[in-house]
Amino acid sequence: GKRRDMGLGRYPDVPIREARTAALEVRR
């Protein structure tokens, strides 16, 4: 029940599209 922050890489090494794909996997 606690808030947490999860790193998904650095921009622009990880472009927006890849970041969204990774975020969707986390959401699942």
mmCIF file of all heavy atoms, coordinates in Angstrom:
data_MODEL
# 
_entry.id   MODEL 
# 
loop_
_atom_site.group_PDB 
_atom_site.id 
_atom_site.type_symbol 
_atom_site.label_atom_id 
_atom_site.label_alt_id 
_atom_site.label_comp_id 
_atom_site.label_asym_id 
_atom_site.label_entity_id 
_atom_site.label_seq_id 
_atom_site.pdbx_PDB_ins_code 
_atom_site.Cartn_x 
_atom_site.Cartn_y 
_atom_site.Cartn_z 
_atom_site.occupancy 
_atom_site.B_iso_or_equiv 
_atom_site.pdbx_formal_charge 
_atom_site.auth_seq_id 
_atom_site.auth_comp_id 
_atom_site.auth_asym_id 
_atom_site.auth_atom_id 
_atom_site.pdbx_PDB_model_num 
ATOM 1   N N   . GLY A 1 1  ? 0.802  -1.215 0.000   1.00 0.00 ? 1  GLY A N   1 
ATOM 2   C CA  . GLY A 1 1  ? 0.000  0.000  0.000   1.00 0.00 ? 1  GLY A CA  1 
ATOM 3   C C   . GLY A 1 1  ? 0.835  1.265  0.000   1.00 0.00 ? 1  GLY A C   1 
ATOM 4   O O   . GLY A 1 1  ? 0.295  2.374  0.121   1.00 0.00 ? 1  GLY A O   1 
ATOM 5   N N   . LYS A 1 2  ? 2.156  1.135  -0.152  1.00 0.00 ? 2  LYS A N   1 
ATOM 6   C CA  . LYS A 1 2  ? 3.045  2.297  -0.155  1.00 0.00 ? 2  LYS A CA  1 
ATOM 7   C C   . LYS A 1 2  ? 3.391  2.703  -1.576  1.00 0.00 ? 2  LYS A C   1 
ATOM 8   O O   . LYS A 1 2  ? 3.428  1.877  -2.486  1.00 0.00 ? 2  LYS A O   1 
ATOM 9   C CB  . LYS A 1 2  ? 4.324  1.977  0.621   1.00 0.00 ? 2  LYS A CB  1 
ATOM 10  C CG  . LYS A 1 2  ? 4.086  1.711  2.109   1.00 0.00 ? 2  LYS A CG  1 
ATOM 11  C CD  . LYS A 1 2  ? 5.408  1.437  2.812   1.00 0.00 ? 2  LYS A CD  1 
ATOM 12  C CE  . LYS A 1 2  ? 5.189  1.188  4.297   1.00 0.00 ? 2  LYS A CE  1 
ATOM 13  N NZ  . LYS A 1 2  ? 6.466  0.911  5.003   1.00 0.00 ? 2  LYS A NZ  1 
ATOM 14  N N   . ARG A 1 3  ? 3.658  4.031  -1.742  1.00 0.00 ? 3  ARG A N   1 
ATOM 15  C CA  . ARG A 1 3  ? 4.055  4.532  -3.059  1.00 0.00 ? 3  ARG A CA  1 
ATOM 16  C C   . ARG A 1 3  ? 5.500  4.157  -3.344  1.00 0.00 ? 3  ARG A C   1 
ATOM 17  O O   . ARG A 1 3  ? 6.362  4.253  -2.470  1.00 0.00 ? 3  ARG A O   1 
ATOM 18  C CB  . ARG A 1 3  ? 3.900  6.049  -3.118  1.00 0.00 ? 3  ARG A CB  1 
ATOM 19  C CG  . ARG A 1 3  ? 3.940  6.592  -4.549  1.00 0.00 ? 3  ARG A CG  1 
ATOM 20  C CD  . ARG A 1 3  ? 3.961  8.090  -4.566  1.00 0.00 ? 3  ARG A CD  1 
ATOM 21  N NE  . ARG A 1 3  ? 5.309  8.593  -4.268  1.00 0.00 ? 3  ARG A NE  1 
ATOM 22  C CZ  . ARG A 1 3  ? 5.621  9.885  -4.269  1.00 0.00 ? 3  ARG A CZ  1 
ATOM 23  N NH1 . ARG A 1 3  ? 4.688  10.804 -4.498  1.00 0.00 ? 3  ARG A NH1 1 
ATOM 24  N NH2 . ARG A 1 3  ? 6.852  10.272 -4.005  1.00 0.00 ? 3  ARG A NH2 1 
ATOM 25  N N   . ARG A 1 4  ? 5.744  3.757  -4.589  1.00 0.00 ? 4  ARG A N   1 
ATOM 26  C CA  . ARG A 1 4  ? 7.094  3.359  -4.983  1.00 0.00 ? 4  ARG A CA  1 
ATOM 27  C C   . ARG A 1 4  ? 7.417  3.933  -6.363  1.00 0.00 ? 4  ARG A C   1 
ATOM 28  O O   . ARG A 1 4  ? 6.508  4.144  -7.193  1.00 0.00 ? 4  ARG A O   1 
ATOM 29  C CB  . ARG A 1 4  ? 7.232  1.830  -5.019  1.00 0.00 ? 4  ARG A CB  1 
ATOM 30  C CG  . ARG A 1 4  ? 6.850  1.149  -3.720  1.00 0.00 ? 4  ARG A CG  1 
ATOM 31  C CD  . ARG A 1 4  ? 7.278  -0.294 -3.685  1.00 0.00 ? 4  ARG A CD  1 
ATOM 32  N NE  . ARG A 1 4  ? 8.726  -0.431 -3.515  1.00 0.00 ? 4  ARG A NE  1 
ATOM 33  C CZ  . ARG A 1 4  ? 9.363  -1.601 -3.406  1.00 0.00 ? 4  ARG A CZ  1 
ATOM 34  N NH1 . ARG A 1 4  ? 8.653  -2.735 -3.473  1.00 0.00 ? 4  ARG A NH1 1 
ATOM 35  N NH2 . ARG A 1 4  ? 10.668 -1.650 -3.236  1.00 0.00 ? 4  ARG A NH2 1 
ATOM 36  N N   . ASP A 1 5  ? 8.689  4.199  -6.591  1.00 0.00 ? 5  ASP A N   1 
ATOM 37  C CA  . ASP A 1 5  ? 9.162  4.702  -7.884  1.00 0.00 ? 5  ASP A CA  1 
ATOM 38  C C   . ASP A 1 5  ? 10.061 3.653  -8.520  1.00 0.00 ? 5  ASP A C   1 
ATOM 39  O O   . ASP A 1 5  ? 10.996 3.160  -7.887  1.00 0.00 ? 5  ASP A O   1 
ATOM 40  C CB  . ASP A 1 5  ? 9.938  6.005  -7.710  1.00 0.00 ? 5  ASP A CB  1 
ATOM 41  C CG  . ASP A 1 5  ? 9.037  7.161  -7.305  1.00 0.00 ? 5  ASP A CG  1 
ATOM 42  O OD1 . ASP A 1 5  ? 7.797  7.006  -7.432  1.00 0.00 ? 5  ASP A OD1 1 
ATOM 43  O OD2 . ASP A 1 5  ? 9.569  8.201  -6.853  1.00 0.00 ? 5  ASP A OD2 1 
ATOM 44  N N   . MET A 1 6  ? 9.789  3.360  -9.787  1.00 0.00 ? 6  MET A N   1 
ATOM 45  C CA  . MET A 1 6  ? 10.554 2.330  -10.496 1.00 0.00 ? 6  MET A CA  1 
ATOM 46  C C   . MET A 1 6  ? 11.216 2.956  -11.716 1.00 0.00 ? 6  MET A C   1 
ATOM 47  O O   . MET A 1 6  ? 10.550 3.537  -12.580 1.00 0.00 ? 6  MET A O   1 
ATOM 48  C CB  . MET A 1 6  ? 9.623  1.197  -10.937 1.00 0.00 ? 6  MET A CB  1 
ATOM 49  C CG  . MET A 1 6  ? 10.325 0.054  -11.628 1.00 0.00 ? 6  MET A CG  1 
ATOM 50  S SD  . MET A 1 6  ? 9.138  -1.274 -11.997 1.00 0.00 ? 6  MET A SD  1 
ATOM 51  C CE  . MET A 1 6  ? 10.255 -2.507 -12.686 1.00 0.00 ? 6  MET A CE  1 
ATOM 52  N N   . GLY A 1 7  ? 12.546 2.885  -11.782 1.00 0.00 ? 7  GLY A N   1 
ATOM 53  C CA  . GLY A 1 7  ? 13.269 3.449  -12.917 1.00 0.00 ? 7  GLY A CA  1 
ATOM 54  C C   . GLY A 1 7  ? 13.142 2.573  -14.151 1.00 0.00 ? 7  GLY A C   1 
ATOM 55  O O   . GLY A 1 7  ? 13.218 1.349  -14.071 1.00 0.00 ? 7  GLY A O   1 
ATOM 56  N N   . LEU A 1 8  ? 12.964 3.235  -15.313 1.00 0.00 ? 8  LEU A N   1 
ATOM 57  C CA  . LEU A 1 8  ? 12.824 2.505  -16.582 1.00 0.00 ? 8  LEU A CA  1 
ATOM 58  C C   . LEU A 1 8  ? 13.880 2.924  -17.607 1.00 0.00 ? 8  LEU A C   1 
ATOM 59  O O   . LEU A 1 8  ? 13.734 2.649  -18.795 1.00 0.00 ? 8  LEU A O   1 
ATOM 60  C CB  . LEU A 1 8  ? 11.420 2.722  -17.168 1.00 0.00 ? 8  LEU A CB  1 
ATOM 61  C CG  . LEU A 1 8  ? 10.245 2.212  -16.310 1.00 0.00 ? 8  LEU A CG  1 
ATOM 62  C CD1 . LEU A 1 8  ? 8.921  2.529  -16.996 1.00 0.00 ? 8  LEU A CD1 1 
ATOM 63  C CD2 . LEU A 1 8  ? 10.376 0.722  -16.052 1.00 0.00 ? 8  LEU A CD2 1 
ATOM 64  N N   . GLY A 1 9  ? 14.960 3.581  -17.144 1.00 0.00 ? 9  GLY A N   1 
ATOM 65  C CA  . GLY A 1 9  ? 16.025 3.970  -18.060 1.00 0.00 ? 9  GLY A CA  1 
ATOM 66  C C   . GLY A 1 9  ? 16.117 5.469  -18.242 1.00 0.00 ? 9  GLY A C   1 
ATOM 67  O O   . GLY A 1 9  ? 15.341 6.246  -17.658 1.00 0.00 ? 9  GLY A O   1 
ATOM 68  N N   . ARG A 1 10 ? 17.053 5.895  -19.062 1.00 0.00 ? 10 ARG A N   1 
ATOM 69  C CA  . ARG A 1 10 ? 17.306 7.332  -19.273 1.00 0.00 ? 10 ARG A CA  1 
ATOM 70  C C   . ARG A 1 10 ? 16.867 7.761  -20.674 1.00 0.00 ? 10 ARG A C   1 
ATOM 71  O O   . ARG A 1 10 ? 17.007 7.017  -21.634 1.00 0.00 ? 10 ARG A O   1 
ATOM 72  C CB  . ARG A 1 10 ? 18.792 7.654  -19.065 1.00 0.00 ? 10 ARG A CB  1 
ATOM 73  C CG  . ARG A 1 10 ? 19.250 7.437  -17.627 1.00 0.00 ? 10 ARG A CG  1 
ATOM 74  C CD  . ARG A 1 10 ? 20.688 7.891  -17.438 1.00 0.00 ? 10 ARG A CD  1 
ATOM 75  N NE  . ARG A 1 10 ? 21.079 7.774  -16.030 1.00 0.00 ? 10 ARG A NE  1 
ATOM 76  C CZ  . ARG A 1 10 ? 20.819 8.680  -15.105 1.00 0.00 ? 10 ARG A CZ  1 
ATOM 77  N NH1 . ARG A 1 10 ? 20.169 9.792  -15.435 1.00 0.00 ? 10 ARG A NH1 1 
ATOM 78  N NH2 . ARG A 1 10 ? 21.191 8.522  -13.851 1.00 0.00 ? 10 ARG A NH2 1 
ATOM 79  N N   . TYR A 1 11 ? 16.376 8.948  -20.721 1.00 0.00 ? 11 TYR A N   1 
ATOM 80  C CA  . TYR A 1 11 ? 16.015 9.573  -22.004 1.00 0.00 ? 11 TYR A CA  1 
ATOM 81  C C   . TYR A 1 11 ? 17.192 10.440 -22.449 1.00 0.00 ? 11 TYR A C   1 
ATOM 82  O O   . TYR A 1 11 ? 17.801 11.111 -21.610 1.00 0.00 ? 11 TYR A O   1 
ATOM 83  C CB  . TYR A 1 11 ? 14.752 10.419 -21.849 1.00 0.00 ? 11 TYR A CB  1 
ATOM 84  C CG  . TYR A 1 11 ? 14.340 11.119 -23.120 1.00 0.00 ? 11 TYR A CG  1 
ATOM 85  C CD1 . TYR A 1 11 ? 13.568 10.450 -24.067 1.00 0.00 ? 11 TYR A CD1 1 
ATOM 86  C CD2 . TYR A 1 11 ? 14.748 12.432 -23.388 1.00 0.00 ? 11 TYR A CD2 1 
ATOM 87  C CE1 . TYR A 1 11 ? 13.201 11.092 -25.252 1.00 0.00 ? 11 TYR A CE1 1 
ATOM 88  C CE2 . TYR A 1 11 ? 14.396 13.077 -24.562 1.00 0.00 ? 11 TYR A CE2 1 
ATOM 89  C CZ  . TYR A 1 11 ? 13.621 12.400 -25.496 1.00 0.00 ? 11 TYR A CZ  1 
ATOM 90  O OH  . TYR A 1 11 ? 13.264 13.023 -26.679 1.00 0.00 ? 11 TYR A OH  1 
ATOM 91  N N   . PRO A 1 12 ? 17.602 10.444 -23.713 1.00 0.00 ? 12 PRO A N   1 
ATOM 92  C CA  . PRO A 1 12 ? 16.943 9.828  -24.878 1.00 0.00 ? 12 PRO A CA  1 
ATOM 93  C C   . PRO A 1 12 ? 17.432 8.407  -25.210 1.00 0.00 ? 12 PRO A C   1 
ATOM 94  O O   . PRO A 1 12 ? 17.070 7.867  -26.248 1.00 0.00 ? 12 PRO A O   1 
ATOM 95  C CB  . PRO A 1 12 ? 17.297 10.792 -25.996 1.00 0.00 ? 12 PRO A CB  1 
ATOM 96  C CG  . PRO A 1 12 ? 18.661 11.293 -25.621 1.00 0.00 ? 12 PRO A CG  1 
ATOM 97  C CD  . PRO A 1 12 ? 18.677 11.366 -24.111 1.00 0.00 ? 12 PRO A CD  1 
ATOM 98  N N   . ASP A 1 13 ? 18.298 7.814  -24.321 1.00 0.00 ? 13 ASP A N   1 
ATOM 99  C CA  . ASP A 1 13 ? 18.746 6.444  -24.613 1.00 0.00 ? 13 ASP A CA  1 
ATOM 100 C C   . ASP A 1 13 ? 17.546 5.502  -24.726 1.00 0.00 ? 13 ASP A C   1 
ATOM 101 O O   . ASP A 1 13 ? 17.530 4.597  -25.565 1.00 0.00 ? 13 ASP A O   1 
ATOM 102 C CB  . ASP A 1 13 ? 19.685 5.961  -23.502 1.00 0.00 ? 13 ASP A CB  1 
ATOM 103 C CG  . ASP A 1 13 ? 20.968 6.777  -23.436 1.00 0.00 ? 13 ASP A CG  1 
ATOM 104 O OD1 . ASP A 1 13 ? 21.334 7.349  -24.484 1.00 0.00 ? 13 ASP A OD1 1 
ATOM 105 O OD2 . ASP A 1 13 ? 21.582 6.850  -22.363 1.00 0.00 ? 13 ASP A OD2 1 
ATOM 106 N N   . VAL A 1 14 ? 16.577 5.701  -23.869 1.00 0.00 ? 14 VAL A N   1 
ATOM 107 C CA  . VAL A 1 14 ? 15.322 4.954  -23.964 1.00 0.00 ? 14 VAL A CA  1 
ATOM 108 C C   . VAL A 1 14 ? 14.282 5.911  -24.521 1.00 0.00 ? 14 VAL A C   1 
ATOM 109 O O   . VAL A 1 14 ? 13.800 6.818  -23.817 1.00 0.00 ? 14 VAL A O   1 
ATOM 110 C CB  . VAL A 1 14 ? 14.879 4.425  -22.576 1.00 0.00 ? 14 VAL A CB  1 
ATOM 111 C CG1 . VAL A 1 14 ? 13.531 3.706  -22.691 1.00 0.00 ? 14 VAL A CG1 1 
ATOM 112 C CG2 . VAL A 1 14 ? 15.935 3.508  -22.000 1.00 0.00 ? 14 VAL A CG2 1 
ATOM 113 N N   . PRO A 1 15 ? 13.896 5.778  -25.787 1.00 0.00 ? 15 PRO A N   1 
ATOM 114 C CA  . PRO A 1 15 ? 12.930 6.697  -26.383 1.00 0.00 ? 15 PRO A CA  1 
ATOM 115 C C   . PRO A 1 15 ? 11.544 6.549  -25.767 1.00 0.00 ? 15 PRO A C   1 
ATOM 116 O O   . PRO A 1 15 ? 11.263 5.597  -25.037 1.00 0.00 ? 15 PRO A O   1 
ATOM 117 C CB  . PRO A 1 15 ? 12.926 6.303  -27.863 1.00 0.00 ? 15 PRO A CB  1 
ATOM 118 C CG  . PRO A 1 15 ? 13.459 4.917  -27.898 1.00 0.00 ? 15 PRO A CG  1 
ATOM 119 C CD  . PRO A 1 15 ? 14.398 4.792  -26.744 1.00 0.00 ? 15 PRO A CD  1 
ATOM 120 N N   . ILE A 1 16 ? 10.687 7.491  -26.080 1.00 0.00 ? 16 ILE A N   1 
ATOM 121 C CA  . ILE A 1 16 ? 9.351  7.545  -25.479 1.00 0.00 ? 16 ILE A CA  1 
ATOM 122 C C   . ILE A 1 16 ? 8.575  6.260  -25.744 1.00 0.00 ? 16 ILE A C   1 
ATOM 123 O O   . ILE A 1 16 ? 7.923  5.725  -24.828 1.00 0.00 ? 16 ILE A O   1 
ATOM 124 C CB  . ILE A 1 16 ? 8.571  8.769  -26.019 1.00 0.00 ? 16 ILE A CB  1 
ATOM 125 C CG1 . ILE A 1 16 ? 9.258  10.068 -25.581 1.00 0.00 ? 16 ILE A CG1 1 
ATOM 126 C CG2 . ILE A 1 16 ? 7.122  8.742  -25.545 1.00 0.00 ? 16 ILE A CG2 1 
ATOM 127 C CD1 . ILE A 1 16 ? 8.641  11.327 -26.153 1.00 0.00 ? 16 ILE A CD1 1 
ATOM 128 N N   . ARG A 1 17 ? 8.623  5.754  -26.968 1.00 0.00 ? 17 ARG A N   1 
ATOM 129 C CA  . ARG A 1 17 ? 7.847  4.549  -27.298 1.00 0.00 ? 17 ARG A CA  1 
ATOM 130 C C   . ARG A 1 17 ? 8.278  3.356  -26.446 1.00 0.00 ? 17 ARG A C   1 
ATOM 131 O O   . ARG A 1 17 ? 7.437  2.616  -25.933 1.00 0.00 ? 17 ARG A O   1 
ATOM 132 C CB  . ARG A 1 17 ? 8.014  4.220  -28.785 1.00 0.00 ? 17 ARG A CB  1 
ATOM 133 C CG  . ARG A 1 17 ? 7.231  2.984  -29.217 1.00 0.00 ? 17 ARG A CG  1 
ATOM 134 C CD  . ARG A 1 17 ? 7.359  2.732  -30.698 1.00 0.00 ? 17 ARG A CD  1 
ATOM 135 N NE  . ARG A 1 17 ? 6.762  3.826  -31.468 1.00 0.00 ? 17 ARG A NE  1 
ATOM 136 C CZ  . ARG A 1 17 ? 6.744  3.878  -32.807 1.00 0.00 ? 17 ARG A CZ  1 
ATOM 137 N NH1 . ARG A 1 17 ? 7.327  2.907  -33.501 1.00 0.00 ? 17 ARG A NH1 1 
ATOM 138 N NH2 . ARG A 1 17 ? 6.174  4.886  -33.429 1.00 0.00 ? 17 ARG A NH2 1 
ATOM 139 N N   . GLU A 1 18 ? 9.591  3.161  -26.280 1.00 0.00 ? 18 GLU A N   1 
ATOM 140 C CA  . GLU A 1 18 ? 10.083 2.034  -25.465 1.00 0.00 ? 18 GLU A CA  1 
ATOM 141 C C   . GLU A 1 18 ? 9.710  2.222  -23.993 1.00 0.00 ? 18 GLU A C   1 
ATOM 142 O O   . GLU A 1 18 ? 9.394  1.252  -23.293 1.00 0.00 ? 18 GLU A O   1 
ATOM 143 C CB  . GLU A 1 18 ? 11.598 1.905  -25.609 1.00 0.00 ? 18 GLU A CB  1 
ATOM 144 C CG  . GLU A 1 18 ? 12.042 1.394  -26.971 1.00 0.00 ? 18 GLU A CG  1 
ATOM 145 C CD  . GLU A 1 18 ? 13.546 1.188  -27.039 1.00 0.00 ? 18 GLU A CD  1 
ATOM 146 O OE1 . GLU A 1 18 ? 14.194 1.113  -25.961 1.00 0.00 ? 18 GLU A OE1 1 
ATOM 147 O OE2 . GLU A 1 18 ? 14.080 1.107  -28.157 1.00 0.00 ? 18 GLU A OE2 1 
ATOM 148 N N   . ALA A 1 19 ? 9.751  3.445  -23.512 1.00 0.00 ? 19 ALA A N   1 
ATOM 149 C CA  . ALA A 1 19 ? 9.389  3.714  -22.126 1.00 0.00 ? 19 ALA A CA  1 
ATOM 150 C C   . ALA A 1 19 ? 7.922  3.369  -21.882 1.00 0.00 ? 19 ALA A C   1 
ATOM 151 O O   . ALA A 1 19 ? 7.563  2.808  -20.842 1.00 0.00 ? 19 ALA A O   1 
ATOM 152 C CB  . ALA A 1 19 ? 9.667  5.170  -21.780 1.00 0.00 ? 19 ALA A CB  1 
ATOM 153 N N   . ARG A 1 20 ? 7.060  3.715  -22.851 1.00 0.00 ? 20 ARG A N   1 
ATOM 154 C CA  . ARG A 1 20 ? 5.638  3.403  -22.711 1.00 0.00 ? 20 ARG A CA  1 
ATOM 155 C C   . ARG A 1 20 ? 5.400  1.884  -22.719 1.00 0.00 ? 20 ARG A C   1 
ATOM 156 O O   . ARG A 1 20 ? 4.583  1.366  -21.954 1.00 0.00 ? 20 ARG A O   1 
ATOM 157 C CB  . ARG A 1 20 ? 4.849  4.062  -23.839 1.00 0.00 ? 20 ARG A CB  1 
ATOM 158 C CG  . ARG A 1 20 ? 4.712  5.568  -23.666 1.00 0.00 ? 20 ARG A CG  1 
ATOM 159 C CD  . ARG A 1 20 ? 4.093  6.215  -24.886 1.00 0.00 ? 20 ARG A CD  1 
ATOM 160 N NE  . ARG A 1 20 ? 3.960  7.666  -24.687 1.00 0.00 ? 20 ARG A NE  1 
ATOM 161 C CZ  . ARG A 1 20 ? 3.825  8.547  -25.687 1.00 0.00 ? 20 ARG A CZ  1 
ATOM 162 N NH1 . ARG A 1 20 ? 3.814  8.099  -26.965 1.00 0.00 ? 20 ARG A NH1 1 
ATOM 163 N NH2 . ARG A 1 20 ? 3.695  9.832  -25.428 1.00 0.00 ? 20 ARG A NH2 1 
ATOM 164 N N   . THR A 1 21 ? 6.130  1.195  -23.599 1.00 0.00 ? 21 THR A N   1 
ATOM 165 C CA  . THR A 1 21 ? 5.982  -0.274 -23.653 1.00 0.00 ? 21 THR A CA  1 
ATOM 166 C C   . THR A 1 21 ? 6.373  -0.893 -22.320 1.00 0.00 ? 21 THR A C   1 
ATOM 167 O O   . THR A 1 21 ? 5.685  -1.772 -21.798 1.00 0.00 ? 21 THR A O   1 
ATOM 168 C CB  . THR A 1 21 ? 6.863  -0.850 -24.776 1.00 0.00 ? 21 THR A CB  1 
ATOM 169 O OG1 . THR A 1 21 ? 6.461  -0.277 -26.026 1.00 0.00 ? 21 THR A OG1 1 
ATOM 170 C CG2 . THR A 1 21 ? 6.733  -2.364 -24.847 1.00 0.00 ? 21 THR A CG2 1 
ATOM 171 N N   . ALA A 1 22 ? 7.507  -0.429 -21.763 1.00 0.00 ? 22 ALA A N   1 
ATOM 172 C CA  . ALA A 1 22 ? 7.958  -0.945 -20.463 1.00 0.00 ? 22 ALA A CA  1 
ATOM 173 C C   . ALA A 1 22 ? 6.945  -0.614 -19.371 1.00 0.00 ? 22 ALA A C   1 
ATOM 174 O O   . ALA A 1 22 ? 6.655  -1.427 -18.479 1.00 0.00 ? 22 ALA A O   1 
ATOM 175 C CB  . ALA A 1 22 ? 9.320  -0.372 -20.114 1.00 0.00 ? 22 ALA A CB  1 
ATOM 176 N N   . ALA A 1 23 ? 6.378  0.607  -19.423 1.00 0.00 ? 23 ALA A N   1 
ATOM 177 C CA  . ALA A 1 23 ? 5.413  1.022  -18.411 1.00 0.00 ? 23 ALA A CA  1 
ATOM 178 C C   . ALA A 1 23 ? 4.139  0.176  -18.491 1.00 0.00 ? 23 ALA A C   1 
ATOM 179 O O   . ALA A 1 23 ? 3.528  -0.146 -17.462 1.00 0.00 ? 23 ALA A O   1 
ATOM 180 C CB  . ALA A 1 23 ? 5.079  2.495  -18.584 1.00 0.00 ? 23 ALA A CB  1 
ATOM 181 N N   . LEU A 1 24 ? 3.732  -0.181 -19.699 1.00 0.00 ? 24 LEU A N   1 
ATOM 182 C CA  . LEU A 1 24 ? 2.552  -1.038 -19.861 1.00 0.00 ? 24 LEU A CA  1 
ATOM 183 C C   . LEU A 1 24 ? 2.782  -2.420 -19.268 1.00 0.00 ? 24 LEU A C   1 
ATOM 184 O O   . LEU A 1 24 ? 1.879  -3.025 -18.679 1.00 0.00 ? 24 LEU A O   1 
ATOM 185 C CB  . LEU A 1 24 ? 2.184  -1.140 -21.347 1.00 0.00 ? 24 LEU A CB  1 
ATOM 186 C CG  . LEU A 1 24 ? 1.554  0.126  -21.966 1.00 0.00 ? 24 LEU A CG  1 
ATOM 187 C CD1 . LEU A 1 24 ? 1.430  -0.017 -23.479 1.00 0.00 ? 24 LEU A CD1 1 
ATOM 188 C CD2 . LEU A 1 24 ? 0.186  0.394  -21.343 1.00 0.00 ? 24 LEU A CD2 1 
ATOM 189 N N   . GLU A 1 25 ? 4.003  -2.947 -19.413 1.00 0.00 ? 25 GLU A N   1 
ATOM 190 C CA  . GLU A 1 25 ? 4.336  -4.235 -18.810 1.00 0.00 ? 25 GLU A CA  1 
ATOM 191 C C   . GLU A 1 25 ? 4.257  -4.158 -17.285 1.00 0.00 ? 25 GLU A C   1 
ATOM 192 O O   . GLU A 1 25 ? 3.762  -5.075 -16.612 1.00 0.00 ? 25 GLU A O   1 
ATOM 193 C CB  . GLU A 1 25 ? 5.746  -4.673 -19.235 1.00 0.00 ? 25 GLU A CB  1 
ATOM 194 C CG  . GLU A 1 25 ? 5.872  -5.071 -20.700 1.00 0.00 ? 25 GLU A CG  1 
ATOM 195 C CD  . GLU A 1 25 ? 5.037  -6.308 -21.012 1.00 0.00 ? 25 GLU A CD  1 
ATOM 196 O OE1 . GLU A 1 25 ? 4.891  -7.191 -20.137 1.00 0.00 ? 25 GLU A OE1 1 
ATOM 197 O OE2 . GLU A 1 25 ? 4.520  -6.383 -22.144 1.00 0.00 ? 25 GLU A OE2 1 
ATOM 198 N N   . VAL A 1 26 ? 4.737  -3.048 -16.745 1.00 0.00 ? 26 VAL A N   1 
ATOM 199 C CA  . VAL A 1 26 ? 4.657  -2.841 -15.303 1.00 0.00 ? 26 VAL A CA  1 
ATOM 200 C C   . VAL A 1 26 ? 3.194  -2.763 -14.865 1.00 0.00 ? 26 VAL A C   1 
ATOM 201 O O   . VAL A 1 26 ? 2.799  -3.313 -13.833 1.00 0.00 ? 26 VAL A O   1 
ATOM 202 C CB  . VAL A 1 26 ? 5.419  -1.555 -14.908 1.00 0.00 ? 26 VAL A CB  1 
ATOM 203 C CG1 . VAL A 1 26 ? 5.200  -1.239 -13.429 1.00 0.00 ? 26 VAL A CG1 1 
ATOM 204 C CG2 . VAL A 1 26 ? 6.907  -1.710 -15.188 1.00 0.00 ? 26 VAL A CG2 1 
ATOM 205 N N   . ARG A 1 27 ? 2.379  -2.061 -15.653 1.00 0.00 ? 27 ARG A N   1 
ATOM 206 C CA  . ARG A 1 27 ? 0.968  -1.923 -15.325 1.00 0.00 ? 27 ARG A CA  1 
ATOM 207 C C   . ARG A 1 27 ? 0.259  -3.287 -15.307 1.00 0.00 ? 27 ARG A C   1 
ATOM 208 O O   . ARG A 1 27 ? -0.601 -3.547 -14.466 1.00 0.00 ? 27 ARG A O   1 
ATOM 209 C CB  . ARG A 1 27 ? 0.308  -0.996 -16.370 1.00 0.00 ? 27 ARG A CB  1 
ATOM 210 C CG  . ARG A 1 27 ? -1.179 -0.740 -16.172 1.00 0.00 ? 27 ARG A CG  1 
ATOM 211 C CD  . ARG A 1 27 ? -1.474 -0.054 -14.874 1.00 0.00 ? 27 ARG A CD  1 
ATOM 212 N NE  . ARG A 1 27 ? -0.876 1.276  -14.800 1.00 0.00 ? 27 ARG A NE  1 
ATOM 213 C CZ  . ARG A 1 27 ? -0.837 1.998  -13.682 1.00 0.00 ? 27 ARG A CZ  1 
ATOM 214 N NH1 . ARG A 1 27 ? -1.316 1.490  -12.557 1.00 0.00 ? 27 ARG A NH1 1 
ATOM 215 N NH2 . ARG A 1 27 ? -0.290 3.190  -13.673 1.00 0.00 ? 27 ARG A NH2 1 
ATOM 216 N N   . ARG A 1 28 ? 0.657  -4.183 -16.211 1.00 0.00 ? 28 ARG A N   1 
ATOM 217 C CA  . ARG A 1 28 ? 0.055  -5.532 -16.239 1.00 0.00 ? 28 ARG A CA  1 
ATOM 218 C C   . ARG A 1 28 ? 0.393  -6.305 -14.958 1.00 0.00 ? 28 ARG A C   1 
ATOM 219 O O   . ARG A 1 28 ? -0.431 -7.062 -14.443 1.00 0.00 ? 28 ARG A O   1 
ATOM 220 C CB  . ARG A 1 28 ? 0.542  -6.298 -17.467 1.00 0.00 ? 28 ARG A CB  1 
ATOM 221 C CG  . ARG A 1 28 ? 0.021  -5.735 -18.790 1.00 0.00 ? 28 ARG A CG  1 
ATOM 222 C CD  . ARG A 1 28 ? 0.360  -6.671 -19.953 1.00 0.00 ? 28 ARG A CD  1 
ATOM 223 N NE  . ARG A 1 28 ? -0.022 -6.082 -21.214 1.00 0.00 ? 28 ARG A NE  1 
ATOM 224 C CZ  . ARG A 1 28 ? 0.792  -5.423 -22.024 1.00 0.00 ? 28 ARG A CZ  1 
ATOM 225 N NH1 . ARG A 1 28 ? 2.078  -5.266 -21.677 1.00 0.00 ? 28 ARG A NH1 1 
ATOM 226 N NH2 . ARG A 1 28 ? 0.358  -4.921 -23.166 1.00 0.00 ? 28 ARG A NH2 1 
# 
